[in-house]
């Protein structure tokens, strides 16, 4: 009889501990989800800013004089490369996790 009571106390303690850990892990998961959403919003904001900067540079350089220069042209090329990479990331279909 005493053995049964001791086993019940041990199982109840283990169940309580597992419930506590599940509660803590659920909170961490919610925090990570919020962080992921914030990072995604920041990425979209930065992509829009970079795209707008490139468009403004193209508008300022309507004749193409700066784009054909070595130093300024390199900046144009680097910005265009970053925009293309980001566009590939943002416009790519989402990968499904299996």
PDB file of N, CA and C in Angstrom:
ATOM      1  N   UNK A   1       0.822  -1.188   0.000  1.00  0.00           N
ATOM      2  CA  UNK A   1       0.000   0.000   0.000  1.00  0.00           C
ATOM      3  C   UNK A   1       0.871   1.257   0.000  1.00  0.00           C
ATOM      4  N   UNK A   2       1.895   1.248   0.821  1.00  0.00           N
ATOM      5  CA  UNK A   2       2.803   2.395   0.895  1.00  0.00           C
ATOM      6  C   UNK A   2       3.548   2.536  -0.435  1.00  0.00           C
ATOM      7  N   UNK A   3       3.904   1.425  -1.045  1.00  0.00           N
ATOM      8  CA  UNK A   3       4.580   1.456  -2.340  1.00  0.00           C
ATOM      9  C   UNK A   3       3.690   2.108  -3.397  1.00  0.00           C
ATOM     10  N   UNK A   4       2.398   1.809  -3.364  1.00  0.00           N
ATOM     11  CA  UNK A   4       1.459   2.399  -4.305  1.00  0.00           C
ATOM     12  C   UNK A   4       1.356   3.912  -4.111  1.00  0.00           C
ATOM     13  N   UNK A   5       1.331   4.355  -2.891  1.00  0.00           N
ATOM     14  CA  UNK A   5       1.265   5.794  -2.592  1.00  0.00           C
ATOM     15  C   UNK A   5       2.542   6.490  -3.073  1.00  0.00           C
ATOM     16  N   UNK A   6       3.697   5.883  -2.839  1.00  0.00           N
ATOM     17  CA  UNK A   6       4.979   6.460  -3.272  1.00  0.00           C
ATOM     18  C   UNK A   6       5.016   6.556  -4.805  1.00  0.00           C
ATOM     19  N   UNK A   7       4.567   5.494  -5.482  1.00  0.00           N
ATOM     20  CA  UNK A   7       4.527   5.516  -6.945  1.00  0.00           C
ATOM     21  C   UNK A   7       3.574   6.595  -7.461  1.00  0.00           C
ATOM     22  N   UNK A   8       2.423   6.758  -6.823  1.00  0.00           N
ATOM     23  CA  UNK A   8       1.470   7.803  -7.232  1.00  0.00           C
ATOM     24  C   UNK A   8       2.076   9.184  -7.054  1.00  0.00           C
ATOM     25  N   UNK A   9       2.793   9.395  -5.962  1.00  0.00           N
ATOM     26  CA  UNK A   9       3.438  10.688  -5.725  1.00  0.00           C
ATOM     27  C   UNK A   9       4.522  10.943  -6.775  1.00  0.00           C
ATOM     28  N   UNK A  10       5.291   9.917  -7.089  1.00  0.00           N
ATOM     29  CA  UNK A  10       6.353  10.068  -8.106  1.00  0.00           C
ATOM     30  C   UNK A  10       5.736  10.373  -9.470  1.00  0.00           C
ATOM     31  N   UNK A  11       4.691   9.641  -9.861  1.00  0.00           N
ATOM     32  CA  UNK A  11       4.047   9.876 -11.151  1.00  0.00           C
ATOM     33  C   UNK A  11       3.373  11.250 -11.197  1.00  0.00           C
ATOM     34  N   UNK A  12       2.745  11.665 -10.111  1.00  0.00           N
ATOM     35  CA  UNK A  12       2.104  12.977 -10.062  1.00  0.00           C
ATOM     36  C   UNK A  12       3.159  14.081 -10.176  1.00  0.00           C
ATOM     37  N   UNK A  13       4.297  13.891  -9.503  1.00  0.00           N
ATOM     38  CA  UNK A  13       5.380  14.867  -9.595  1.00  0.00           C
ATOM     39  C   UNK A  13       5.936  14.931 -11.016  1.00  0.00           C
ATOM     40  N   UNK A  14       6.131  13.772 -11.630  1.00  0.00           N
ATOM     41  CA  UNK A  14       6.639  13.732 -13.000  1.00  0.00           C
ATOM     42  C   UNK A  14       5.641  14.385 -13.958  1.00  0.00           C
ATOM     43  N   UNK A  15       4.353  14.127 -13.786  1.00  0.00           N
ATOM     44  CA  UNK A  15       3.334  14.731 -14.641  1.00  0.00           C
ATOM     45  C   UNK A  15       3.297  16.247 -14.449  1.00  0.00           C
ATOM     46  N   UNK A  16       3.425  16.691 -13.223  1.00  0.00           N
ATOM     47  CA  UNK A  16       3.468  18.133 -12.953  1.00  0.00           C
ATOM     48  C   UNK A  16       4.674  18.790 -13.601  1.00  0.00           C
ATOM     49  N   UNK A  17       5.820  18.135 -13.504  1.00  0.00           N
ATOM     50  CA  UNK A  17       7.035  18.669 -14.111  1.00  0.00           C
ATOM     51  C   UNK A  17       6.907  18.724 -15.633  1.00  0.00           C
ATOM     52  N   UNK A  18       6.362  17.669 -16.224  1.00  0.00           N
ATOM     53  CA  UNK A  18       6.188  17.647 -17.680  1.00  0.00           C
ATOM     54  C   UNK A  18       5.199  18.730 -18.124  1.00  0.00           C
ATOM     55  N   UNK A  19       4.148  18.949 -17.365  1.00  0.00           N
ATOM     56  CA  UNK A  19       3.193  20.019 -17.672  1.00  0.00           C
ATOM     57  C   UNK A  19       3.853  21.384 -17.603  1.00  0.00           C
ATOM     58  N   UNK A  20       4.686  21.586 -16.577  1.00  0.00           N
ATOM     59  CA  UNK A  20       5.421  22.844 -16.426  1.00  0.00           C
ATOM     60  C   UNK A  20       6.353  23.066 -17.616  1.00  0.00           C
ATOM     61  N   UNK A  21       7.075  22.033 -18.018  1.00  0.00           N
ATOM     62  CA  UNK A  21       7.997  22.152 -19.160  1.00  0.00           C
ATOM     63  C   UNK A  21       7.233  22.435 -20.452  1.00  0.00           C
ATOM     64  N   UNK A  22       6.073  21.804 -20.644  1.00  0.00           N
ATOM     65  CA  UNK A  22       5.265  22.058 -21.833  1.00  0.00           C
ATOM     66  C   UNK A  22       4.793  23.512 -21.852  1.00  0.00           C
ATOM     67  N   UNK A  23       4.409  24.050 -20.711  1.00  0.00           N
ATOM     68  CA  UNK A  23       3.978  25.443 -20.603  1.00  0.00           C
ATOM     69  C   UNK A  23       5.127  26.389 -20.959  1.00  0.00           C
ATOM     70  N   UNK A  24       6.327  26.126 -20.447  1.00  0.00           N
ATOM     71  CA  UNK A  24       7.496  26.960 -20.732  1.00  0.00           C
ATOM     72  C   UNK A  24       7.843  26.883 -22.219  1.00  0.00           C
ATOM     73  N   UNK A  25       7.845  25.687 -22.786  1.00  0.00           N
ATOM     74  CA  UNK A  25       8.181  25.525 -24.201  1.00  0.00           C
ATOM     75  C   UNK A  25       7.135  26.180 -25.108  1.00  0.00           C
ATOM     76  N   UNK A  26       5.870  26.159 -24.730  1.00  0.00           N
ATOM     77  CA  UNK A  26       4.834  26.827 -25.515  1.00  0.00           C
ATOM     78  C   UNK A  26       5.072  28.339 -25.524  1.00  0.00           C
ATOM     79  N   UNK A  27       5.495  28.883 -24.395  1.00  0.00           N
ATOM     80  CA  UNK A  27       5.818  30.310 -24.328  1.00  0.00           C
ATOM     81  C   UNK A  27       7.007  30.655 -25.199  1.00  0.00           C
ATOM     82  N   UNK A  28       8.024  29.810 -25.188  1.00  0.00           N
ATOM     83  CA  UNK A  28       9.193  30.044 -26.037  1.00  0.00           C
ATOM     84  C   UNK A  28       8.832  29.975 -27.508  1.00  0.00           C
ATOM     85  N   UNK A  29       7.978  29.043 -27.858  1.00  0.00           N
ATOM     86  CA  UNK A  29       7.541  28.905 -29.245  1.00  0.00           C
ATOM     87  C   UNK A  29       6.783  30.155 -29.696  1.00  0.00           C
ATOM     88  N   UNK A  30       5.933  30.688 -28.824  1.00  0.00           N
ATOM     89  CA  UNK A  30       5.202  31.908 -29.156  1.00  0.00           C
ATOM     90  C   UNK A  30       6.159  33.080 -29.350  1.00  0.00           C
ATOM     91  N   UNK A  31       7.184  33.179 -28.503  1.00  0.00           N
ATOM     92  CA  UNK A  31       8.177  34.245 -28.639  1.00  0.00           C
ATOM     93  C   UNK A  31       8.941  34.122 -29.950  1.00  0.00           C
ATOM     94  N   UNK A  32       9.309  32.911 -30.316  1.00  0.00           N
ATOM     95  CA  UNK A  32      10.048  32.688 -31.560  1.00  0.00           C
ATOM     96  C   UNK A  32       9.166  33.032 -32.763  1.00  0.00           C
ATOM     97  N   UNK A  33       7.881  32.718 -32.681  1.00  0.00           N
ATOM     98  CA  UNK A  33       6.958  33.044 -33.754  1.00  0.00           C
ATOM     99  C   UNK A  33       6.861  34.556 -33.940  1.00  0.00           C
ATOM    100  N   UNK A  34       6.749  35.294 -32.834  1.00  0.00           N
ATOM    101  CA  UNK A  34       6.703  36.756 -32.904  1.00  0.00           C
ATOM    102  C   UNK A  34       7.990  37.308 -33.501  1.00  0.00           C
ATOM    103  N   UNK A  35       9.116  36.752 -33.103  1.00  0.00           N
ATOM    104  CA  UNK A  35      10.412  37.191 -33.629  1.00  0.00           C
ATOM    105  C   UNK A  35      10.492  36.937 -35.131  1.00  0.00           C
ATOM    106  N   UNK A  36      10.028  35.794 -35.569  1.00  0.00           N
ATOM    107  CA  UNK A  36      10.036  35.444 -36.993  1.00  0.00           C
ATOM    108  C   UNK A  36       9.199  36.435 -37.794  1.00  0.00           C
ATOM    109  N   UNK A  37       8.035  36.792 -37.281  1.00  0.00           N
ATOM    110  CA  UNK A  37       7.168  37.754 -37.960  1.00  0.00           C
ATOM    111  C   UNK A  37       7.845  39.118 -38.040  1.00  0.00           C
ATOM    112  N   UNK A  38       8.497  39.543 -36.948  1.00  0.00           N
ATOM    113  CA  UNK A  38       9.209  40.825 -36.951  1.00  0.00           C
ATOM    114  C   UNK A  38      10.353  40.829 -37.956  1.00  0.00           C
ATOM    115  N   UNK A  39      11.094  39.744 -38.030  1.00  0.00           N
ATOM    116  CA  UNK A  39      12.200  39.654 -38.987  1.00  0.00           C
ATOM    117  C   UNK A  39      11.666  39.692 -40.419  1.00  0.00           C
ATOM    118  N   UNK A  40      10.568  39.015 -40.663  1.00  0.00           N
ATOM    119  CA  UNK A  40       9.980  39.013 -41.996  1.00  0.00           C
ATOM    120  C   UNK A  40       9.533  40.421 -42.395  1.00  0.00           C
ATOM    121  N   UNK A  41       8.909  41.141 -41.474  1.00  0.00           N
ATOM    122  CA  UNK A  41       8.488  42.516 -41.762  1.00  0.00           C
ATOM    123  C   UNK A  41       9.700  43.410 -42.032  1.00  0.00           C
ATOM    124  N   UNK A  42      10.757  43.227 -41.259  1.00  0.00           N
ATOM    125  CA  UNK A  42      11.973  44.016 -41.458  1.00  0.00           C
ATOM    126  C   UNK A  42      12.592  43.716 -42.809  1.00  0.00           C
ATOM    127  N   UNK A  43      12.615  42.467 -43.206  1.00  0.00           N
ATOM    128  CA  UNK A  43      13.172  42.096 -44.510  1.00  0.00           C
ATOM    129  C   UNK A  43      12.385  42.735 -45.648  1.00  0.00           C
ATOM    130  N   UNK A  44      11.081  42.707 -45.557  1.00  0.00           N
ATOM    131  CA  UNK A  44      10.249  43.305 -46.598  1.00  0.00           C
ATOM    132  C   UNK A  44      10.461  44.811 -46.639  1.00  0.00           C
ATOM    133  N   UNK A  45      10.562  45.439 -45.470  1.00  0.00           N
ATOM    134  CA  UNK A  45      10.809  46.881 -45.399  1.00  0.00           C
ATOM    135  C   UNK A  45      12.149  47.231 -46.034  1.00  0.00           C
ATOM    136  N   UNK A  46      13.189  46.467 -45.708  1.00  0.00           N
ATOM    137  CA  UNK A  46      14.519  46.748 -46.255  1.00  0.00           C
ATOM    138  C   UNK A  46      14.551  46.504 -47.757  1.00  0.00           C
ATOM    139  N   UNK A  47      13.869  45.475 -48.235  1.00  0.00           N
ATOM    140  CA  UNK A  47      13.801  45.216 -49.676  1.00  0.00           C
ATOM    141  C   UNK A  47      13.166  46.404 -50.386  1.00  0.00           C
ATOM    142  N   UNK A  48      12.079  46.920 -49.826  1.00  0.00           N
ATOM    143  CA  UNK A  48      11.403  48.069 -50.435  1.00  0.00           C
ATOM    144  C   UNK A  48      12.309  49.300 -50.436  1.00  0.00           C
ATOM    145  N   UNK A  49      13.049  49.513 -49.341  1.00  0.00           N
ATOM    146  CA  UNK A  49      13.966  50.654 -49.269  1.00  0.00           C
ATOM    147  C   UNK A  49      15.080  50.538 -50.302  1.00  0.00           C
ATOM    148  N   UNK A  50      15.659  49.360 -50.441  1.00  0.00           N
ATOM    149  CA  UNK A  50      16.744  49.163 -51.408  1.00  0.00           C
ATOM    150  C   UNK A  50      16.211  49.343 -52.828  1.00  0.00           C
ATOM    151  N   UNK A  51      15.040  48.797 -53.102  1.00  0.00           N
ATOM    152  CA  UNK A  51      14.428  48.953 -54.424  1.00  0.00           C
ATOM    153  C   UNK A  51      14.166  50.423 -54.710  1.00  0.00           C
ATOM    154  N   UNK A  52      13.649  51.147 -53.724  1.00  0.00           N
ATOM    155  CA  UNK A  52      13.367  52.569 -53.903  1.00  0.00           C
ATOM    156  C   UNK A  52      14.660  53.353 -54.133  1.00  0.00           C
ATOM    157  N   UNK A  53      15.721  53.016 -53.426  1.00  0.00           N
ATOM    158  CA  UNK A  53      17.006  53.691 -53.609  1.00  0.00           C
ATOM    159  C   UNK A  53      17.538  53.460 -55.020  1.00  0.00           C
ATOM    160  N   UNK A  54      17.431  52.238 -55.489  1.00  0.00           N
ATOM    161  CA  UNK A  54      17.897  51.935 -56.842  1.00  0.00           C
ATOM    162  C   UNK A  54      17.065  52.694 -57.881  1.00  0.00           C
ATOM    163  N   UNK A  55      15.747  52.719 -57.691  1.00  0.00           N
ATOM    164  CA  UNK A  55      14.890  53.453 -58.620  1.00  0.00           C
ATOM    165  C   UNK A  55      15.222  54.942 -58.620  1.00  0.00           C
ATOM    166  N   UNK A  56      15.487  55.496 -57.422  1.00  0.00           N
ATOM    167  CA  UNK A  56      15.868  56.905 -57.338  1.00  0.00           C
ATOM    168  C   UNK A  56      17.194  57.161 -58.034  1.00  0.00           C
ATOM    169  N   UNK A  57      18.148  56.259 -57.874  1.00  0.00           N
ATOM    170  CA  UNK A  57      19.436  56.416 -58.551  1.00  0.00           C
ATOM    171  C   UNK A  57      19.251  56.360 -60.063  1.00  0.00           C
ATOM    172  N   UNK A  58      18.401  55.466 -60.534  1.00  0.00           N
ATOM    173  CA  UNK A  58      18.145  55.373 -61.977  1.00  0.00           C
ATOM    174  C   UNK A  58      17.461  56.641 -62.485  1.00  0.00           C
ATOM    175  N   UNK A  59      16.569  57.202 -61.661  1.00  0.00           N
ATOM    176  CA  UNK A  59      15.868  58.412 -62.058  1.00  0.00           C
ATOM    177  C   UNK A  59      16.833  59.604 -62.108  1.00  0.00           C
ATOM    178  N   UNK A  60      17.723  59.700 -61.136  1.00  0.00           N
ATOM    179  CA  UNK A  60      18.712  60.779 -61.127  1.00  0.00           C
ATOM    180  C   UNK A  60      19.642  60.654 -62.325  1.00  0.00           C
ATOM    181  N   UNK A  61      20.004  59.432 -62.657  1.00  0.00           N
ATOM    182  CA  UNK A  61      20.943  59.173 -63.752  1.00  0.00           C
ATOM    183  C   UNK A  61      20.175  58.781 -65.015  1.00  0.00           C
ATOM    184  N   UNK A  62      19.324  59.663 -65.493  1.00  0.00           N
ATOM    185  CA  UNK A  62      18.499  59.351 -66.658  1.00  0.00           C
ATOM    186  C   UNK A  62      19.323  59.159 -67.927  1.00  0.00           C
ATOM    187  N   UNK A  63      20.433  59.848 -68.019  1.00  0.00           N
ATOM    188  CA  UNK A  63      21.262  59.733 -69.217  1.00  0.00           C
ATOM    189  C   UNK A  63      22.206  58.538 -69.164  1.00  0.00           C
ATOM    190  N   UNK A  64      22.390  57.951 -67.989  1.00  0.00           N
ATOM    191  CA  UNK A  64      23.267  56.798 -67.858  1.00  0.00           C
ATOM    192  C   UNK A  64      24.728  57.162 -67.702  1.00  0.00           C
ATOM    193  N   UNK A  65      25.009  58.433 -67.431  1.00  0.00           N
ATOM    194  CA  UNK A  65      26.402  58.879 -67.313  1.00  0.00           C
ATOM    195  C   UNK A  65      27.081  58.282 -66.085  1.00  0.00           C
ATOM    196  N   UNK A  66      26.369  58.271 -64.965  1.00  0.00           N
ATOM    197  CA  UNK A  66      26.982  57.736 -63.743  1.00  0.00           C
ATOM    198  C   UNK A  66      27.080  56.216 -63.806  1.00  0.00           C
ATOM    199  N   UNK A  67      26.085  55.599 -64.377  1.00  0.00           N
ATOM    200  CA  UNK A  67      26.066  54.130 -64.427  1.00  0.00           C
ATOM    201  C   UNK A  67      27.207  53.592 -65.287  1.00  0.00           C
ATOM    202  N   UNK A  68      27.633  54.366 -66.258  1.00  0.00           N
ATOM    203  CA  UNK A  68      28.709  53.889 -67.130  1.00  0.00           C
ATOM    204  C   UNK A  68      30.092  54.159 -66.540  1.00  0.00           C
ATOM    205  N   UNK A  69      30.194  55.001 -65.507  1.00  0.00           N
ATOM    206  CA  UNK A  69      31.481  55.246 -64.860  1.00  0.00           C
ATOM    207  C   UNK A  69      31.897  54.019 -64.055  1.00  0.00           C
ATOM    208  N   UNK A  70      33.196  53.970 -63.751  1.00  0.00           N
ATOM    209  CA  UNK A  70      33.717  52.812 -63.026  1.00  0.00           C
ATOM    210  C   UNK A  70      33.163  52.721 -61.617  1.00  0.00           C
ATOM    211  N   UNK A  71      33.388  53.760 -60.806  1.00  0.00           N
ATOM    212  CA  UNK A  71      32.991  53.694 -59.391  1.00  0.00           C
ATOM    213  C   UNK A  71      31.481  53.744 -59.229  1.00  0.00           C
ATOM    214  N   UNK A  72      30.827  54.697 -59.865  1.00  0.00           N
ATOM    215  CA  UNK A  72      29.374  54.804 -59.748  1.00  0.00           C
ATOM    216  C   UNK A  72      28.690  53.606 -60.402  1.00  0.00           C
ATOM    217  N   UNK A  73      29.247  53.155 -61.522  1.00  0.00           N
ATOM    218  CA  UNK A  73      28.682  51.986 -62.195  1.00  0.00           C
ATOM    219  C   UNK A  73      28.755  50.741 -61.337  1.00  0.00           C
ATOM    220  N   UNK A  74      29.845  50.619 -60.580  1.00  0.00           N
ATOM    221  CA  UNK A  74      29.976  49.488 -59.661  1.00  0.00           C
ATOM    222  C   UNK A  74      28.890  49.527 -58.600  1.00  0.00           C
ATOM    223  N   UNK A  75      28.601  50.736 -58.101  1.00  0.00           N
ATOM    224  CA  UNK A  75      27.535  50.885 -57.101  1.00  0.00           C
ATOM    225  C   UNK A  75      26.190  50.484 -57.708  1.00  0.00           C
ATOM    226  N   UNK A  76      25.920  50.919 -58.921  1.00  0.00           N
ATOM    227  CA  UNK A  76      24.681  50.528 -59.594  1.00  0.00           C
ATOM    228  C   UNK A  76      24.598  49.015 -59.728  1.00  0.00           C
ATOM    229  N   UNK A  77      25.678  48.408 -60.158  1.00  0.00           N
ATOM    230  CA  UNK A  77      25.686  46.956 -60.351  1.00  0.00           C
ATOM    231  C   UNK A  77      25.493  46.211 -59.038  1.00  0.00           C
ATOM    232  N   UNK A  78      26.141  46.691 -57.970  1.00  0.00           N
ATOM    233  CA  UNK A  78      26.012  46.027 -56.669  1.00  0.00           C
ATOM    234  C   UNK A  78      24.587  46.146 -56.149  1.00  0.00           C
ATOM    235  N   UNK A  79      23.989  47.340 -56.269  1.00  0.00           N
ATOM    236  CA  UNK A  79      22.607  47.503 -55.830  1.00  0.00           C
ATOM    237  C   UNK A  79      21.666  46.615 -56.645  1.00  0.00           C
ATOM    238  N   UNK A  80      21.878  46.560 -57.926  1.00  0.00           N
ATOM    239  CA  UNK A  80      21.027  45.713 -58.779  1.00  0.00           C
ATOM    240  C   UNK A  80      21.181  44.235 -58.411  1.00  0.00           C
ATOM    241  N   UNK A  81      22.403  43.833 -58.094  1.00  0.00           N
ATOM    242  CA  UNK A  81      22.636  42.438 -57.703  1.00  0.00           C
ATOM    243  C   UNK A  81      21.924  42.129 -56.396  1.00  0.00           C
ATOM    244  N   UNK A  82      22.005  43.037 -55.425  1.00  0.00           N
ATOM    245  CA  UNK A  82      21.315  42.830 -54.144  1.00  0.00           C
ATOM    246  C   UNK A  82      19.817  42.755 -54.362  1.00  0.00           C
ATOM    247  N   UNK A  83      19.286  43.640 -55.196  1.00  0.00           N
ATOM    248  CA  UNK A  83      17.847  43.637 -55.467  1.00  0.00           C
ATOM    249  C   UNK A  83      17.426  42.334 -56.134  1.00  0.00           C
ATOM    250  N   UNK A  84      18.213  41.869 -57.076  1.00  0.00           N
ATOM    251  CA  UNK A  84      17.875  40.608 -57.753  1.00  0.00           C
ATOM    252  C   UNK A  84      17.898  39.427 -56.791  1.00  0.00           C
ATOM    253  N   UNK A  85      18.883  39.401 -55.898  1.00  0.00           N
ATOM    254  CA  UNK A  85      18.952  38.312 -54.914  1.00  0.00           C
ATOM    255  C   UNK A  85      17.766  38.364 -53.963  1.00  0.00           C
ATOM    256  N   UNK A  86      17.445  39.557 -53.482  1.00  0.00           N
ATOM    257  CA  UNK A  86      16.312  39.699 -52.571  1.00  0.00           C
ATOM    258  C   UNK A  86      15.000  39.377 -53.283  1.00  0.00           C
ATOM    259  N   UNK A  87      14.885  39.803 -54.522  1.00  0.00           N
ATOM    260  CA  UNK A  87      13.670  39.515 -55.280  1.00  0.00           C
ATOM    261  C   UNK A  87      13.498  38.006 -55.449  1.00  0.00           C
ATOM    262  N   UNK A  88      14.610  37.314 -55.678  1.00  0.00           N
ATOM    263  CA  UNK A  88      14.543  35.858 -55.782  1.00  0.00           C
ATOM    264  C   UNK A  88      14.082  35.223 -54.482  1.00  0.00           C
ATOM    265  N   UNK A  89      14.537  35.782 -53.351  1.00  0.00           N
ATOM    266  CA  UNK A  89      14.138  35.243 -52.054  1.00  0.00           C
ATOM    267  C   UNK A  89      12.682  35.558 -51.730  1.00  0.00           C
ATOM    268  N   UNK A  90      12.256  36.769 -52.038  1.00  0.00           N
ATOM    269  CA  UNK A  90      10.900  37.171 -51.686  1.00  0.00           C
ATOM    270  C   UNK A  90       9.854  36.624 -52.645  1.00  0.00           C
ATOM    271  N   UNK A  91      10.201  36.503 -53.909  1.00  0.00           N
ATOM    272  CA  UNK A  91       9.239  36.039 -54.894  1.00  0.00           C
ATOM    273  C   UNK A  91       9.252  34.528 -55.092  1.00  0.00           C
ATOM    274  N   UNK A  92      10.203  33.860 -54.477  1.00  0.00           N
ATOM    275  CA  UNK A  92      10.297  32.405 -54.630  1.00  0.00           C
ATOM    276  C   UNK A  92       9.128  31.732 -53.905  1.00  0.00           C
ATOM    277  N   UNK A  93       8.634  30.637 -54.436  1.00  0.00           N
ATOM    278  CA  UNK A  93       7.577  29.914 -53.724  1.00  0.00           C
ATOM    279  C   UNK A  93       8.131  29.343 -52.423  1.00  0.00           C
ATOM    280  N   UNK A  94       7.291  29.331 -51.417  1.00  0.00           N
ATOM    281  CA  UNK A  94       7.724  28.845 -50.110  1.00  0.00           C
ATOM    282  C   UNK A  94       7.985  27.348 -50.177  1.00  0.00           C
ATOM    283  N   UNK A  95       9.057  26.933 -49.496  1.00  0.00           N
ATOM    284  CA  UNK A  95       9.382  25.513 -49.431  1.00  0.00           C
ATOM    285  C   UNK A  95       8.558  24.881 -48.332  1.00  0.00           C
ATOM    286  N   UNK A  96       7.955  23.757 -48.669  1.00  0.00           N
ATOM    287  CA  UNK A  96       7.162  23.044 -47.652  1.00  0.00           C
ATOM    288  C   UNK A  96       8.088  22.128 -46.876  1.00  0.00           C
ATOM    289  N   UNK A  97       7.940  22.200 -45.552  1.00  0.00           N
ATOM    290  CA  UNK A  97       8.760  21.322 -44.704  1.00  0.00           C
ATOM    291  C   UNK A  97       8.095  19.957 -44.641  1.00  0.00           C
ATOM    292  N   UNK A  98       8.916  18.955 -44.758  1.00  0.00           N
ATOM    293  CA  UNK A  98       8.380  17.597 -44.720  1.00  0.00           C
ATOM    294  C   UNK A  98       8.824  16.892 -43.467  1.00  0.00           C
TER     295      UNK A  98
END
